[in-house]
Protein backbone atom coordinates (compact mmCIF):
# COMPACT_ATOMS: atom_id res chain seq x y z
CA MET A 1 100.13 122.23 103.85
CA THR A 2 97.65 119.51 103.44
CA GLY A 3 98.50 115.89 102.95
CA ARG A 4 101.93 116.28 104.64
CA SER A 5 103.14 114.86 107.81
CA PRO A 6 104.71 117.39 110.21
CA TYR A 7 108.28 118.48 109.73
CA THR A 8 110.84 117.00 112.24
CA GLY A 9 111.89 120.62 113.13
CA GLN A 10 115.48 120.36 111.94
CA ALA A 11 116.22 122.91 109.65
CA HIS A 12 117.52 120.43 106.83
CA ASP A 13 114.65 118.07 106.76
CA LEU A 14 112.08 118.82 104.15
CA GLY A 15 109.45 116.33 105.53
CA PRO A 16 107.72 113.90 103.19
CA LEU A 17 109.00 113.59 99.44
CA PHE A 18 105.61 112.92 97.88
CA PRO A 19 102.24 114.28 98.80
CA PRO A 20 99.16 111.62 98.59
CA ARG A 21 97.87 111.05 95.14
CA ALA A 22 94.89 109.05 93.85
CA PRO A 23 95.68 105.18 93.87
CA PRO A 24 96.91 103.71 90.60
CA GLY A 25 94.41 100.88 90.95
CA ASP A 26 95.33 97.21 92.40
CA GLY A 27 98.85 98.01 92.99
CA ASP A 28 99.96 97.72 89.18
CA PHE A 29 102.43 100.17 87.75
CA VAL A 30 101.34 102.96 85.34
CA GLY A 31 102.83 105.11 82.44
CA ALA A 32 102.93 105.80 78.92
CA ASP A 33 105.36 103.06 78.20
CA TYR A 34 104.39 100.38 80.72
CA VAL A 35 103.31 97.15 79.14
CA ALA A 36 102.15 94.94 81.97
CA GLU A 37 102.87 91.63 80.30
CA ILE A 38 106.52 92.69 80.00
CA ASP A 39 107.30 94.98 82.91
CA ARG A 40 104.95 93.93 85.71
CA ALA A 41 107.52 91.07 87.24
CA ARG A 42 110.60 93.65 86.74
CA LEU A 43 108.97 96.16 88.56
CA SER A 44 107.12 93.99 90.98
CA GLY A 45 110.64 92.48 92.02
CA GLN A 46 112.46 96.00 92.02
CA ILE A 47 110.02 97.47 94.29
CA GLY A 48 110.23 94.57 96.77
CA LEU A 49 114.09 94.94 96.92
CA ILE A 50 113.57 98.51 97.41
CA PHE A 51 111.18 98.22 100.05
CA GLY A 52 113.01 95.58 101.84
CA LEU A 53 116.36 97.70 101.68
CA MET A 54 114.54 100.89 102.91
CA SER A 55 112.42 99.39 105.48
CA ASP A 56 115.28 99.58 108.18
CA GLY A 57 114.53 103.37 108.16
CA ARG A 58 117.95 104.45 107.31
CA TRP A 59 118.48 107.39 104.98
CA ARG A 60 119.92 106.89 101.45
CA THR A 61 120.63 108.66 98.59
CA LEU A 62 119.45 107.65 95.00
CA ALA A 63 123.28 106.17 94.53
CA ASP A 64 122.95 104.22 97.67
CA ILE A 65 119.84 102.48 96.58
CA SER A 66 121.08 102.19 93.07
CA THR A 67 124.23 100.36 94.25
CA ALA A 68 122.41 98.01 96.58
CA VAL A 69 119.61 96.76 94.19
CA ASP A 70 121.00 95.18 91.12
CA HIS A 71 119.58 96.24 87.79
CA CYS A 72 118.57 99.35 89.16
CA GLY A 73 119.38 103.13 88.07
CA GLU A 74 119.01 106.07 90.16
CA ALA A 75 115.81 107.32 88.03
CA SER A 76 114.31 103.83 88.97
CA ALA A 77 114.93 103.98 92.56
CA SER A 78 113.42 107.27 92.52
CA ALA A 79 110.47 106.13 90.40
CA GLN A 80 109.99 103.13 92.76
CA LEU A 81 110.39 105.29 96.01
CA ARG A 82 107.22 107.66 94.33
CA ASN A 83 105.55 104.18 93.99
CA LEU A 84 105.86 103.19 97.52
CA ARG A 85 103.91 106.53 98.79
CA LYS A 86 101.05 105.34 96.28
CA PRO A 87 98.05 103.67 98.16
CA GLY A 88 98.20 100.70 95.55
CA HIS A 89 101.69 100.27 96.84
CA GLY A 90 101.40 100.27 100.43
CA GLY A 91 100.95 104.29 101.11
CA HIS A 92 104.00 104.46 102.83
CA VAL A 93 105.57 107.66 103.71
CA VAL A 94 108.93 108.71 101.95
CA GLU A 95 110.99 111.73 103.50
CA ARG A 96 113.45 113.43 101.85
CA ARG A 97 116.47 115.61 103.26
CA ARG A 98 119.42 117.50 102.12
CA ARG A 99 122.65 115.33 102.84
CA HIS A 100 124.60 118.60 103.25
CA GLU A 101 123.50 122.20 103.71
CA LEU A 102 125.57 123.48 100.97
CA CYS A 103 124.80 120.72 98.12
CA GLY A 104 121.80 119.51 96.16
CA LEU A 105 122.26 115.72 97.14
CA TYR A 106 119.17 114.32 98.86
CA GLU A 107 118.63 111.20 100.85
CA TYR A 108 115.52 109.39 101.30
CA ARG A 109 113.95 107.52 104.40
CA LEU A 110 110.91 104.95 104.15
CA VAL A 111 108.73 105.16 107.20
CA ALA A 112 106.67 101.88 106.21
CA ARG A 113 102.89 101.81 107.18
CA GLU A 114 101.70 98.91 109.36
CA PRO A 115 99.59 96.40 107.31
CA HIS A 116 96.07 96.34 108.06
CA GLY A 117 94.61 93.13 109.48
């Protein structure tokens, strides 16, 4: 599969969740309801908190992330994990795996890219 990192070989590991996509621009956010003047500061703060939390490389569910980051629902946590994968927000790898073999609960891990320079 193109655009995906190799799997770890563990049966429950699904590898990276989000394949590479075209950059959104200069790291700005996108969406039908996004209004930069209203949303940029809030979303920038939220993605920063999620990046800080996930930078330790530990596996977490969306509920774990939502609980750890104030004013962040699970849908927002999921959206910010997608954003972290985009080149405009660092182009990091976000991996996903099932927490248990017999359930649909997934957990996520950030593999942060080293900054250039």
